[in-house]
Amino acid sequence: MGGAGHFVRVAILGLLALAAAGCSIMPTTGPEIGEIYRGGDTDDPTRLPYALVKITPQIVDILASYAPRIGTVFPDRRPPREITFGIGDSVSVSIFEAAAGGLYIPIEAGVRPGNFITLPNQNVDTSGNISVPYAGAVRALGRTPSQVQQEIVDAIKNRAIDPQAVVSLVEQRTSLISVLGEVNTPNRFPANYAGEHILDSITRAGGPKGPGHETWVMLEREGRRATAPFGALVYEPSNNIWTHPGDTIYLYREPQTFAAFGAVAANSISGGIQGVINFGEWRISLTEALGKASGLSDALAEPSAIFLYRGEIREVAERLGIDCSRFPGPIIPVIYNLNLRNPDGFMLATKFQMRNKDVLYVANATSVEISKALNYFRLTVATVNDPIVAATNAYNLNLVARVNNRFPIGTSSSPPF
């Protein structure tokens, strides 16, 4: 039994040594707190490097400035320029003279109200011109109706009697706005002369087909693109900018989700997807994300060890103060750390906005890991002691049986002890 006791002591010391060396032998739902802090600066080529960033008010403000918003990419709030003629547009031209006997009104017509002629409707040709008798080819491409009117008057004023011209757009085939994707009636329609905003254009296309909180809006203009949640256009007017002729608006559905692991109170979410939670709104904060995961587990969680995994573009990472020289790609792996042991941590979490496909991880408290280690040691000791106890019990039973056989009950002899 002395040898068995020595084995137990050696086993316990070995387990303690492994724990002190940082070897993970305990079951857990993710990395330990110390491993997260150490792993970001690892030189192991098999490990993915990452940057660890503590959530502060400055970090929250920087991230907010890079939220996907249309108004950030297209900051110009001015209404669109006046609609101009384009190749293929159908144009009407009427020319007025003050009296008969001029260029267009014969002398025998006399003086009468409305001394004018209306030319047949014509399209702006491929050269960008329209044709007006006695004025010749008049440039229309890229010009407004008033500009075309003035050129016609200038061309005939020396032969016509106080001429005036009225030029109007009969059928608009350019200066169009396209609204495509997840709308009820995808369409390409003429831009409104009075001007309109993105939501107005989406309304003309029948509105979003799916739930607003799952809908995203992409605006393409002159080779540039900007994307924002549909809710950002509704609740943040700075994103509902003016549409311009030639704009393409594309709506698509992309449910926003995040994954929650570790010491959260619930990991079984509706839909049967373990650990994956739908935003259910067009945006949520880190506080709301923790609430959707039913909060922290009171028996397991370490409130100062809340980590959020996200890939940031290089520009954002540099603004966060990260040394990006050791990261080869355009996306920098970042782990954000929130400390809810500080009262202001909840305020920061309220302002910190979640992004699609974020991974939220809550680490176990150190005391939990120690408790699991002690239970493991206790189980090991019990496992080693089981055969010893069994052998001792068997030996005692055998000894009793031998004594009973030699000195049966009822005899006058006494057992030798």
Foldseek 3Di string as FASTA:
>chain_A
DVVLVVVLVVVLVVLVVCVVVVNDPFDFFDDFLVCVVPVQPDPPPVDDHAAEFAQDPLLLVLVVLPAFFQCNVVVDQDFADADFAAFFFKKKKKKAAQFAPFDQHHNVVGGDPPRMDIDPIDGQHPVQWDQDPQQGTFHGHPDHQVVSQVSSCVRCVVGTHPMGMGMDTDGHPFLWEFEDEQAPATDIGHADSVWDWPVVVSVVRHHGNDDQLQKKKWKDDPRDIGIARSVCVVVPVSRRGIDTRPMYIYMYGHFFKEFEIGQAPAQQDPPRDGRIDTPVGNWAFQLVVSVNSVHGHPVWFQQQFKKKWDWDFPVSCVVSVDDCPVPDDRTGIYIYTAHVVDVCSSVSRRSHIDGGHMYIYTHTDPVVVVVSSVVVSVVVSCVSCVVVVVVVVVVVVVVVVVQCVVPPPPDPDDGPD
